[in-house]
Amino acid sequence: MNSNANACSSDVCDIENAITQKPAAERWFRRASHSSPKVRLFCFPYAGGNARIFREWHDWCGPEVEVVAIELPGRGFNSRSPLIKDMSTMIERLLPVLDPLLDKPFALFGHSMGALISFELSRALRASGRKAPLRLFASGMRAPHLWGGYHIHSLPDKEFVEALRTLNGTPSEVLGDSSLLEMFIPLLRADLRLSETYQFTPGTPLQHPITVFGGIGDVTTPSERLHEWQRHTRSSCTVRLLEGDHFFIQQSAHLVVASILKSLGRVSMPVAFEPIFTPATTETRTREAEPVYSSGD
């Protein structure tokens, strides 16, 4: 009998050891080791995504901007934590985890589901008297007060997968691999439940600027619904459209990062990222839109 039959592979063991040894709070994020960053950028993934989608951002942004890629429960180093299926619980869990990292100026970035989480986190930071972000970067998501309309998280597996294909809101590499898809279905259901059951509550607009990214070919998020983000800030709102569908963030990640660095203003931009925009990129700036809010938070 092979003495190694019951032993895990070295890669699996390394991952298991890393998860076991990492303090619980630190399993929520992946960071690059920058000694004195000027700004921290907290990055939230789309439904079914994890911190690895931002793996190149660490090098692109450092050392002046420290990327803190959020590892939501149920995946990666945070895989042993139970999945979170509603927004209020997500924000409640995030606040104490991020507290130690709010000692420097920071910004929030989120794509799709991550944009909703980032928005609600911005509101919760203000409501709890914590520091506010320098800017909110919302990507691939219509304005929060316009969210709704899709309810696929409770469909049977076959119909659920077909709906994912139709909506083009899930990476093709996941949908094209049956074994991978089977493993990811519980995670995708939980994330989509969080997104689909989200209900916007009117409140005071944010005080900090918002930059919105969208894909020119993203049928789930028409450009006019991106411009509605202007109603959620008393500061400026900039909408930037790039080539691609809902996952333009993959093919145009370098443009998104370059735009973030430029918007933060206080950091230098890598030479490779200039000029920031291609001819296919369009930009609109808006200010002082009439709020959709009727009461304070």
C-alpha atoms as a PDB file:
ATOM      1  CA  MET A   1       0.000   0.000   0.000  1.00  0.00           C
ATOM      2  CA  ASN A   2       1.340   3.406  -0.920  1.00  0.00           C
ATOM      3  CA  SER A   3       2.372   5.233   2.250  1.00  0.00           C
ATOM      4  CA  ASN A   4       1.291   8.496   0.637  1.00  0.00           C
ATOM      5  CA  ALA A   5      -2.193   7.286  -0.272  1.00  0.00           C
ATOM      6  CA  ASN A   6      -3.849   9.169   2.545  1.00  0.00           C
ATOM      7  CA  ALA A   7      -1.599  12.190   2.333  1.00  0.00           C
ATOM      8  CA  CYS A   8      -2.727  15.346   0.606  1.00  0.00           C
ATOM      9  CA  SER A   9      -0.720  16.780  -2.239  1.00  0.00           C
ATOM     10  CA  SER A  10       1.862  19.394  -1.334  1.00  0.00           C
ATOM     11  CA  ASP A  11      -0.211  22.163  -2.975  1.00  0.00           C
ATOM     12  CA  VAL A  12      -3.358  21.203  -1.088  1.00  0.00           C
ATOM     13  CA  CYS A  13      -1.423  20.904   2.159  1.00  0.00           C
ATOM     14  CA  ASP A  14       0.120  24.325   1.623  1.00  0.00           C
ATOM     15  CA  ILE A  15      -3.311  25.869   1.134  1.00  0.00           C
ATOM     16  CA  GLU A  16      -4.759  24.070   4.138  1.00  0.00           C
ATOM     17  CA  ASN A  17      -1.845  25.141   6.308  1.00  0.00           C
ATOM     18  CA  ALA A  18      -2.148  28.729   5.137  1.00  0.00           C
ATOM     19  CA  ILE A  19      -5.861  28.787   5.956  1.00  0.00           C
ATOM     20  CA  THR A  20      -5.290  27.216   9.370  1.00  0.00           C
ATOM     21  CA  GLN A  21      -2.440  29.511  10.347  1.00  0.00           C
ATOM     22  CA  LYS A  22      -3.990  32.747   9.088  1.00  0.00           C
ATOM     23  CA  PRO A  23      -5.885  34.675  11.820  1.00  0.00           C
ATOM     24  CA  ALA A  24      -9.642  34.628  11.195  1.00  0.00           C
ATOM     25  CA  ALA A  25      -9.909  38.360  10.528  1.00  0.00           C
ATOM     26  CA  GLU A  26      -7.029  38.289   8.029  1.00  0.00           C
ATOM     27  CA  ARG A  27      -8.685  35.558   5.965  1.00  0.00           C
ATOM     28  CA  TRP A  28     -10.970  38.306   4.664  1.00  0.00           C
ATOM     29  CA  PHE A  29      -8.339  39.886   2.452  1.00  0.00           C
ATOM     30  CA  ARG A  30      -5.185  39.480   0.414  1.00  0.00           C
ATOM     31  CA  ARG A  31      -2.609  42.256   0.614  1.00  0.00           C
ATOM     32  CA  ALA A  32       0.761  43.081  -0.879  1.00  0.00           C
ATOM     33  CA  SER A  33       3.449  44.012   1.621  1.00  0.00           C
ATOM     34  CA  HIS A  34       4.015  47.734   1.097  1.00  0.00           C
ATOM     35  CA  SER A  35       5.742  49.446   3.985  1.00  0.00           C
ATOM     36  CA  SER A  36       4.209  52.886   3.659  1.00  0.00           C
ATOM     37  CA  PRO A  37       1.409  53.160   1.097  1.00  0.00           C
ATOM     38  CA  LYS A  38      -0.257  56.528   0.671  1.00  0.00           C
ATOM     39  CA  VAL A  39      -3.674  55.043  -0.043  1.00  0.00           C
ATOM     40  CA  ARG A  40      -5.414  51.700   0.436  1.00  0.00           C
ATOM     41  CA  LEU A  41      -7.782  50.418  -2.230  1.00  0.00           C
ATOM     42  CA  PHE A  42     -10.337  47.881  -0.988  1.00  0.00           C
ATOM     43  CA  CYS A  43     -11.534  45.709  -3.897  1.00  0.00           C
ATOM     44  CA  PHE A  44     -14.749  43.664  -3.870  1.00  0.00           C
ATOM     45  CA  PRO A  45     -15.419  40.893  -6.441  1.00  0.00           C
ATOM     46  CA  TYR A  46     -18.431  40.081  -8.589  1.00  0.00           C
ATOM     47  CA  ALA A  47     -20.808  37.201  -7.745  1.00  0.00           C
ATOM     48  CA  GLY A  48     -18.860  33.943  -7.644  1.00  0.00           C
ATOM     49  CA  GLY A  49     -15.555  35.819  -7.716  1.00  0.00           C
ATOM     50  CA  ASN A  50     -12.723  35.883  -5.200  1.00  0.00           C
ATOM     51  CA  ALA A  51      -9.673  37.936  -4.302  1.00  0.00           C
ATOM     52  CA  ARG A  52      -7.600  36.320  -7.063  1.00  0.00           C
ATOM     53  CA  ILE A  53      -9.293  38.393  -9.767  1.00  0.00           C
ATOM     54  CA  PHE A  54      -7.284  41.345  -8.425  1.00  0.00           C
ATOM     55  CA  ARG A  55      -3.954  39.489  -8.285  1.00  0.00           C
ATOM     56  CA  GLU A  56      -2.288  41.693 -10.937  1.00  0.00           C
ATOM     57  CA  TRP A  57      -3.564  44.882  -9.355  1.00  0.00           C
ATOM     58  CA  HIS A  58      -1.100  44.566  -6.465  1.00  0.00           C
ATOM     59  CA  ASP A  59       1.869  45.091  -8.785  1.00  0.00           C
ATOM     60  CA  TRP A  60       0.114  47.645 -10.959  1.00  0.00           C
ATOM     61  CA  CYS A  61      -0.821  49.876  -8.024  1.00  0.00           C
ATOM     62  CA  GLY A  62       2.103  49.456  -5.628  1.00  0.00           C
ATOM     63  CA  PRO A  63       3.872  50.751  -3.728  1.00  0.00           C
ATOM     64  CA  GLU A  64       1.920  53.998  -3.270  1.00  0.00           C
ATOM     65  CA  VAL A  65      -1.472  52.293  -3.416  1.00  0.00           C
ATOM     66  CA  GLU A  66      -1.933  49.123  -1.395  1.00  0.00           C
ATOM     67  CA  VAL A  67      -4.567  46.868  -2.928  1.00  0.00           C
ATOM     68  CA  VAL A  68      -6.600  45.058  -0.295  1.00  0.00           C
ATOM     69  CA  ALA A  69      -8.483  42.370  -2.238  1.00  0.00           C
ATOM     70  CA  ILE A  70     -11.475  41.259  -0.210  1.00  0.00           C
ATOM     71  CA  GLU A  71     -11.889  37.496   0.195  1.00  0.00           C
ATOM     72  CA  LEU A  72     -15.576  37.105   0.963  1.00  0.00           C
ATOM     73  CA  PRO A  73     -16.684  34.101   3.062  1.00  0.00           C
ATOM     74  CA  GLY A  74     -16.927  30.717   1.380  1.00  0.00           C
ATOM     75  CA  ARG A  75     -13.937  31.083  -0.966  1.00  0.00           C
ATOM     76  CA  GLY A  76     -10.136  31.176  -1.005  1.00  0.00           C
ATOM     77  CA  PHE A  77      -8.490  31.700   2.373  1.00  0.00           C
ATOM     78  CA  ASN A  78     -11.947  32.433   3.775  1.00  0.00           C
ATOM     79  CA  SER A  79     -13.461  29.177   2.501  1.00  0.00           C
ATOM     80  CA  ARG A  80     -14.183  27.806   5.975  1.00  0.00           C
ATOM     81  CA  SER A  81     -16.471  30.708   6.840  1.00  0.00           C
ATOM     82  CA  PRO A  82     -20.155  30.227   5.986  1.00  0.00           C
ATOM     83  CA  LEU A  83     -21.513  31.976   2.914  1.00  0.00           C
ATOM     84  CA  ILE A  84     -23.306  35.276   3.526  1.00  0.00           C
ATOM     85  CA  LYS A  85     -26.635  35.593   1.719  1.00  0.00           C
ATOM     86  CA  ASP A  86     -27.873  39.075   2.636  1.00  0.00           C
ATOM     87  CA  MET A  87     -26.444  42.565   2.473  1.00  0.00           C
ATOM     88  CA  SER A  88     -27.033  43.620   6.080  1.00  0.00           C
ATOM     89  CA  THR A  89     -25.067  40.637   7.418  1.00  0.00           C
ATOM     90  CA  MET A  90     -22.283  41.247   4.919  1.00  0.00           C
ATOM     91  CA  ILE A  91     -21.836  44.865   6.025  1.00  0.00           C
ATOM     92  CA  GLU A  92     -22.110  43.921   9.696  1.00  0.00           C
ATOM     93  CA  ARG A  93     -19.307  41.388   9.272  1.00  0.00           C
ATOM     94  CA  LEU A  94     -17.114  43.675   7.153  1.00  0.00           C
ATOM     95  CA  LEU A  95     -16.971  46.724   9.429  1.00  0.00           C
ATOM     96  CA  PRO A  96     -14.940  45.242  12.326  1.00  0.00           C
ATOM     97  CA  VAL A  97     -12.677  43.335   9.917  1.00  0.00           C
ATOM     98  CA  LEU A  98     -11.718  46.498   8.036  1.00  0.00           C
ATOM     99  CA  ASP A  99     -11.395  48.750  11.094  1.00  0.00           C
ATOM    100  CA  PRO A 100      -7.641  48.138  11.616  1.00  0.00           C
ATOM    101  CA  LEU A 101      -6.977  49.077   7.971  1.00  0.00           C
ATOM    102  CA  LEU A 102      -8.766  52.430   8.049  1.00  0.00           C
ATOM    103  CA  ASP A 103      -5.747  54.219   9.517  1.00  0.00           C
ATOM    104  CA  LYS A 104      -4.740  55.506   6.078  1.00  0.00           C
ATOM    105  CA  PRO A 105      -6.716  57.285   3.350  1.00  0.00           C
ATOM    106  CA  PHE A 106      -8.653  54.684   1.369  1.00  0.00           C
ATOM    107  CA  ALA A 107     -10.978  54.133  -1.568  1.00  0.00           C
ATOM    108  CA  LEU A 108     -13.492  51.405  -2.405  1.00  0.00           C
ATOM    109  CA  PHE A 109     -13.816  49.473  -5.666  1.00  0.00           C
ATOM    110  CA  GLY A 110     -16.409  46.851  -6.517  1.00  0.00           C
ATOM    111  CA  HIS A 111     -17.578  45.139  -9.690  1.00  0.00           C
ATOM    112  CA  SER A 112     -21.232  44.102 -10.108  1.00  0.00           C
ATOM    113  CA  MET A 113     -22.240  42.613  -6.728  1.00  0.00           C
ATOM    114  CA  GLY A 114     -19.052  44.132  -5.328  1.00  0.00           C
ATOM    115  CA  ALA A 115     -20.255  47.600  -6.357  1.00  0.00           C
ATOM    116  CA  LEU A 116     -23.421  47.210  -4.277  1.00  0.00           C
ATOM    117  CA  ILE A 117     -21.377  46.018  -1.306  1.00  0.00           C
ATOM    118  CA  SER A 118     -18.976  48.955  -1.688  1.00  0.00           C
ATOM    119  CA  PHE A 119     -21.854  51.423  -1.855  1.00  0.00           C
ATOM    120  CA  GLU A 120     -23.566  50.079   1.251  1.00  0.00           C
ATOM    121  CA  LEU A 121     -20.226  49.919   3.037  1.00  0.00           C
ATOM    122  CA  SER A 122     -19.699  53.620   2.251  1.00  0.00           C
ATOM    123  CA  ARG A 123     -23.058  54.408   3.838  1.00  0.00           C
ATOM    124  CA  ALA A 124     -22.361  52.225   6.860  1.00  0.00           C
ATOM    125  CA  LEU A 125     -18.971  53.842   7.450  1.00  0.00           C
ATOM    126  CA  ARG A 126     -20.655  57.235   7.580  1.00  0.00           C
ATOM    127  CA  ALA A 127     -23.550  56.063   9.729  1.00  0.00           C
ATOM    128  CA  SER A 128     -21.145  54.534  12.271  1.00  0.00           C
ATOM    129  CA  GLY A 129     -18.941  57.630  12.477  1.00  0.00           C
ATOM    130  CA  ARG A 130     -15.957  55.974  10.823  1.00  0.00           C
ATOM    131  CA  LYS A 131     -13.693  57.581   8.245  1.00  0.00           C
ATOM    132  CA  ALA A 132     -15.123  58.053   4.764  1.00  0.00           C
ATOM    133  CA  PRO A 133     -13.429  56.822   1.580  1.00  0.00           C
ATOM    134  CA  LEU A 134     -11.722  59.239  -0.769  1.00  0.00           C
ATOM    135  CA  ARG A 135     -13.840  57.912  -3.613  1.00  0.00           C
ATOM    136  CA  LEU A 136     -16.185  55.070  -4.517  1.00  0.00           C
ATOM    137  CA  PHE A 137     -15.434  53.184  -7.750  1.00  0.00           C
ATOM    138  CA  ALA A 138     -18.564  51.330  -8.890  1.00  0.00           C
ATOM    139  CA  SER A 139     -18.095  48.975 -11.845  1.00  0.00           C
ATOM    140  CA  GLY A 140     -20.597  46.990 -13.919  1.00  0.00           C
ATOM    141  CA  MET A 141     -23.608  47.930 -11.790  1.00  0.00           C
ATOM    142  CA  ARG A 142     -26.578  50.198 -12.385  1.00  0.00           C
ATOM    143  CA  ALA A 143     -27.373  52.802  -9.748  1.00  0.00           C
ATOM    144  CA  PRO A 144     -28.605  51.188  -6.495  1.00  0.00           C
ATOM    145  CA  HIS A 145     -32.100  52.704  -6.607  1.00  0.00           C
ATOM    146  CA  LEU A 146     -32.599  51.058 -10.028  1.00  0.00           C
ATOM    147  CA  TRP A 147     -31.416  47.614  -8.974  1.00  0.00           C
ATOM    148  CA  GLY A 148     -33.825  44.694  -9.217  1.00  0.00           C
ATOM    149  CA  GLY A 149     -35.670  42.620 -11.755  1.00  0.00           C
ATOM    150  CA  TYR A 150     -33.648  39.390 -11.727  1.00  0.00           C
ATOM    151  CA  HIS A 151     -34.626  36.515  -9.417  1.00  0.00           C
ATOM    152  CA  ILE A 152     -32.755  33.402 -10.464  1.00  0.00           C
ATOM    153  CA  HIS A 153     -30.999  32.326  -7.261  1.00  0.00           C
ATOM    154  CA  SER A 154     -33.804  29.921  -6.274  1.00  0.00           C
ATOM    155  CA  LEU A 155     -34.235  28.231  -9.665  1.00  0.00           C
ATOM    156  CA  PRO A 156     -33.521  24.476 -10.059  1.00  0.00           C
ATOM    157  CA  ASP A 157     -29.956  23.779 -11.145  1.00  0.00           C
ATOM    158  CA  LYS A 158     -30.630  23.324 -14.876  1.00  0.00           C
ATOM    159  CA  GLU A 159     -32.746  26.477 -15.169  1.00  0.00           C
ATOM    160  CA  PHE A 160     -30.301  28.315 -12.925  1.00  0.00           C
ATOM    161  CA  VAL A 161     -27.359  27.552 -15.225  1.00  0.00           C
ATOM    162  CA  GLU A 162     -29.344  28.501 -18.335  1.00  0.00           C
ATOM    163  CA  ALA A 163     -30.319  31.799 -16.715  1.00  0.00           C
ATOM    164  CA  LEU A 164     -26.663  32.491 -15.911  1.00  0.00           C
ATOM    165  CA  ARG A 165     -25.771  31.944 -19.572  1.00  0.00           C
ATOM    166  CA  THR A 166     -28.589  34.185 -20.767  1.00  0.00           C
ATOM    167  CA  LEU A 167     -27.695  37.034 -18.429  1.00  0.00           C
ATOM    168  CA  ASN A 168     -23.983  36.787 -19.301  1.00  0.00           C
ATOM    169  CA  GLY A 169     -23.173  37.669 -15.712  1.00  0.00           C
ATOM    170  CA  THR A 170     -20.951  34.696 -14.899  1.00  0.00           C
ATOM    171  CA  PRO A 171     -17.441  34.051 -16.285  1.00  0.00           C
ATOM    172  CA  SER A 172     -17.471  31.716 -19.302  1.00  0.00           C
ATOM    173  CA  GLU A 173     -14.696  29.576 -17.807  1.00  0.00           C
ATOM    174  CA  VAL A 174     -17.056  28.635 -14.971  1.00  0.00           C
ATOM    175  CA  LEU A 175     -20.096  27.949 -17.171  1.00  0.00           C
ATOM    176  CA  GLY A 176     -18.030  25.882 -19.600  1.00  0.00           C
ATOM    177  CA  ASP A 177     -16.668  23.453 -17.004  1.00  0.00           C
ATOM    178  CA  SER A 178     -19.355  21.127 -15.572  1.00  0.00           C
ATOM    179  CA  SER A 179     -17.256  19.970 -12.605  1.00  0.00           C
ATOM    180  CA  LEU A 180     -16.242  23.530 -11.780  1.00  0.00           C
ATOM    181  CA  LEU A 181     -19.825  24.690 -12.188  1.00  0.00           C
ATOM    182  CA  GLU A 182     -21.118  22.015  -9.808  1.00  0.00           C
ATOM    183  CA  MET A 183     -18.659  23.190  -7.197  1.00  0.00           C
ATOM    184  CA  PHE A 184     -19.526  26.854  -7.725  1.00  0.00           C
ATOM    185  CA  ILE A 185     -23.337  26.620  -7.798  1.00  0.00           C
ATOM    186  CA  PRO A 186     -23.791  27.008  -3.996  1.00  0.00           C
ATOM    187  CA  LEU A 187     -21.446  30.007  -4.002  1.00  0.00           C
ATOM    188  CA  LEU A 188     -23.158  31.588  -7.004  1.00  0.00           C
ATOM    189  CA  ARG A 189     -26.598  31.028  -5.479  1.00  0.00           C
ATOM    190  CA  ALA A 190     -25.542  32.690  -2.224  1.00  0.00           C
ATOM    191  CA  ASP A 191     -23.984  35.675  -3.977  1.00  0.00           C
ATOM    192  CA  LEU A 192     -26.949  36.114  -6.297  1.00  0.00           C
ATOM    193  CA  ARG A 193     -29.350  35.848  -3.395  1.00  0.00           C
ATOM    194  CA  LEU A 194     -27.436  38.655  -1.686  1.00  0.00           C
ATOM    195  CA  SER A 195     -27.661  40.783  -4.849  1.00  0.00           C
ATOM    196  CA  GLU A 196     -31.204  39.925  -5.871  1.00  0.00           C
ATOM    197  CA  THR A 197     -32.727  40.442  -2.429  1.00  0.00           C
ATOM    198  CA  TYR A 198     -30.926  43.763  -1.950  1.00  0.00           C
ATOM    199  CA  GLN A 199     -33.348  46.615  -1.346  1.00  0.00           C
ATOM    200  CA  PHE A 200     -32.210  50.199  -1.613  1.00  0.00           C
ATOM    201  CA  THR A 201     -33.224  52.362   1.347  1.00  0.00           C
ATOM    202  CA  PRO A 202     -33.389  56.134   0.746  1.00  0.00           C
ATOM    203  CA  GLY A 203     -30.933  58.225   2.741  1.00  0.00           C
ATOM    204  CA  THR A 204     -28.576  61.186   2.552  1.00  0.00           C
ATOM    205  CA  PRO A 205     -26.309  61.205  -0.540  1.00  0.00           C
ATOM    206  CA  LEU A 206     -22.633  60.451  -0.014  1.00  0.00           C
ATOM    207  CA  GLN A 207     -20.199  63.340   0.342  1.00  0.00           C
ATOM    208  CA  HIS A 208     -17.333  61.798  -1.613  1.00  0.00           C
ATOM    209  CA  PRO A 209     -17.006  61.470  -5.421  1.00  0.00           C
ATOM    210  CA  ILE A 210     -18.116  58.417  -7.379  1.00  0.00           C
ATOM    211  CA  THR A 211     -16.500  57.001 -10.501  1.00  0.00           C
ATOM    212  CA  VAL A 212     -18.600  54.522 -12.482  1.00  0.00           C
ATOM    213  CA  PHE A 213     -17.207  52.023 -15.001  1.00  0.00           C
ATOM    214  CA  GLY A 214     -19.330  50.253 -17.580  1.00  0.00           C
ATOM    215  CA  GLY A 215     -18.954  48.010 -20.606  1.00  0.00           C
ATOM    216  CA  ILE A 216     -20.194  49.430 -23.898  1.00  0.00           C
ATOM    217  CA  GLY A 217     -21.631  46.016 -24.773  1.00  0.00           C
ATOM    218  CA  ASP A 218     -23.052  45.183 -21.340  1.00  0.00           C
ATOM    219  CA  VAL A 219     -26.774  44.571 -21.971  1.00  0.00           C
ATOM    220  CA  THR A 220     -27.443  44.078 -18.243  1.00  0.00           C
ATOM    221  CA  THR A 221     -26.286  47.599 -17.397  1.00  0.00           C
ATOM    222  CA  PRO A 222     -27.278  50.226 -20.006  1.00  0.00           C
ATOM    223  CA  SER A 223     -25.269  53.450 -19.880  1.00  0.00           C
ATOM    224  CA  GLU A 224     -28.280  55.555 -18.853  1.00  0.00           C
ATOM    225  CA  ARG A 225     -28.564  53.480 -15.696  1.00  0.00           C
ATOM    226  CA  LEU A 226     -24.903  54.042 -14.940  1.00  0.00           C
ATOM    227  CA  HIS A 227     -25.405  57.804 -15.101  1.00  0.00           C
ATOM    228  CA  GLU A 228     -28.042  57.519 -12.387  1.00  0.00           C
ATOM    229  CA  TRP A 229     -25.231  57.026  -9.862  1.00  0.00           C
ATOM    230  CA  GLN A 230     -24.966  60.822  -9.862  1.00  0.00           C
ATOM    231  CA  ARG A 231     -27.993  60.885  -7.571  1.00  0.00           C
ATOM    232  CA  HIS A 232     -26.037  59.142  -4.822  1.00  0.00           C
ATOM    233  CA  THR A 233     -23.400  61.788  -4.168  1.00  0.00           C
ATOM    234  CA  ARG A 234     -23.275  65.486  -3.399  1.00  0.00           C
ATOM    235  CA  SER A 235     -19.842  65.549  -5.008  1.00  0.00           C
ATOM    236  CA  SER A 236     -18.907  64.758  -8.613  1.00  0.00           C
ATOM    237  CA  CYS A 237     -19.815  61.621 -10.535  1.00  0.00           C
ATOM    238  CA  THR A 238     -17.786  60.412 -13.509  1.00  0.00           C
ATOM    239  CA  VAL A 239     -18.982  57.656 -15.859  1.00  0.00           C
ATOM    240  CA  ARG A 240     -16.384  55.842 -17.954  1.00  0.00           C
ATOM    241  CA  LEU A 241     -17.375  53.342 -20.647  1.00  0.00           C
ATOM    242  CA  LEU A 242     -14.928  50.783 -21.991  1.00  0.00           C
ATOM    243  CA  GLU A 243     -15.040  48.166 -24.730  1.00  0.00           C
ATOM    244  CA  GLY A 244     -16.552  44.868 -23.625  1.00  0.00           C
ATOM    245  CA  ASP A 245     -19.583  43.225 -22.068  1.00  0.00           C
ATOM    246  CA  HIS A 246     -20.327  42.730 -18.369  1.00  0.00           C
ATOM    247  CA  PHE A 247     -16.828  41.355 -17.838  1.00  0.00           C
ATOM    248  CA  PHE A 248     -14.985  44.234 -19.472  1.00  0.00           C
ATOM    249  CA  ILE A 249     -13.076  44.314 -16.170  1.00  0.00           C
ATOM    250  CA  GLN A 250     -11.107  41.301 -17.390  1.00  0.00           C
ATOM    251  CA  GLN A 251     -10.032  42.544 -20.810  1.00  0.00           C
ATOM    252  CA  SER A 252      -9.672  46.179 -19.723  1.00  0.00           C
ATOM    253  CA  ALA A 253      -8.350  45.726 -16.195  1.00  0.00           C
ATOM    254  CA  HIS A 254      -5.279  47.853 -16.889  1.00  0.00           C
ATOM    255  CA  LEU A 255      -7.479  50.751 -18.058  1.00  0.00           C
ATOM    256  CA  VAL A 256      -9.654  50.466 -14.964  1.00  0.00           C
ATOM    257  CA  VAL A 257      -6.594  50.505 -12.706  1.00  0.00           C
ATOM    258  CA  ALA A 258      -5.025  53.412 -14.571  1.00  0.00           C
ATOM    259  CA  SER A 259      -8.255  55.357 -14.218  1.00  0.00           C
ATOM    260  CA  ILE A 260      -8.365  54.620 -10.493  1.00  0.00           C
ATOM    261  CA  LEU A 261      -4.798  55.829 -10.011  1.00  0.00           C
ATOM    262  CA  LYS A 262      -5.509  58.993 -11.960  1.00  0.00           C
ATOM    263  CA  SER A 263      -8.733  59.665 -10.050  1.00  0.00           C
ATOM    264  CA  LEU A 264      -7.025  59.292  -6.695  1.00  0.00           C
ATOM    265  CA  GLY A 265      -4.776  62.114  -7.828  1.00  0.00           C
ATOM    266  CA  ARG A 266      -2.240  61.786  -5.055  1.00  0.00           C
ATOM    267  CA  VAL A 267      -0.206  58.985  -6.595  1.00  0.00           C
ATOM    268  CA  SER A 268       2.012  58.643  -9.622  1.00  0.00           C
ATOM    269  CA  MET A 269       0.806  56.524 -12.519  1.00  0.00           C
ATOM    270  CA  PRO A 270       3.018  53.853 -14.124  1.00  0.00           C
ATOM    271  CA  VAL A 271       4.381  54.991 -17.493  1.00  0.00           C
ATOM    272  CA  ALA A 272       2.874  51.884 -19.099  1.00  0.00           C
ATOM    273  CA  PHE A 273      -0.597  53.153 -18.198  1.00  0.00           C
ATOM    274  CA  GLU A 274      -0.302  56.410 -20.125  1.00  0.00           C
ATOM    275  CA  PRO A 275      -2.307  57.413 -22.019  1.00  0.00           C
ATOM    276  CA  ILE A 276      -5.089  56.106 -19.799  1.00  0.00           C
ATOM    277  CA  PHE A 277      -7.843  55.871 -22.389  1.00  0.00           C
ATOM    278  CA  THR A 278      -8.162  54.196 -25.765  1.00  0.00           C
ATOM    279  CA  PRO A 279     -10.301  55.749 -28.524  1.00  0.00           C
ATOM    280  CA  ALA A 280     -13.036  53.257 -27.554  1.00  0.00           C
ATOM    281  CA  THR A 281     -13.300  54.750 -24.086  1.00  0.00           C
ATOM    282  CA  THR A 282     -15.884  57.453 -23.405  1.00  0.00           C
ATOM    283  CA  GLU A 283     -16.262  59.612 -20.340  1.00  0.00           C
ATOM    284  CA  THR A 284     -19.020  61.764 -18.885  1.00  0.00           C
ATOM    285  CA  ARG A 285     -18.801  63.993 -15.838  1.00  0.00           C
ATOM    286  CA  THR A 286     -21.853  65.159 -13.909  1.00  0.00           C
ATOM    287  CA  ARG A 287     -22.323  67.280 -10.823  1.00  0.00           C
ATOM    288  CA  GLU A 288     -25.053  68.257  -8.420  1.00  0.00           C
ATOM    289  CA  ALA A 289     -27.811  65.997  -9.669  1.00  0.00           C
ATOM    290  CA  GLU A 290     -31.121  66.108  -7.854  1.00  0.00           C
ATOM    291  CA  PRO A 291     -31.050  63.417  -5.117  1.00  0.00           C
ATOM    292  CA  VAL A 292     -33.587  60.596  -5.012  1.00  0.00           C
ATOM    293  CA  TYR A 293     -33.471  60.669  -1.223  1.00  0.00           C
ATOM    294  CA  SER A 294     -36.211  61.855   1.048  1.00  0.00           C
ATOM    295  CA  SER A 295     -34.714  61.337   4.497  1.00  0.00           C
ATOM    296  CA  GLY A 296     -31.416  60.895   6.347  1.00  0.00           C
ATOM    297  CA  ASP A 297     -29.782  57.568   7.099  1.00  0.00           C
END
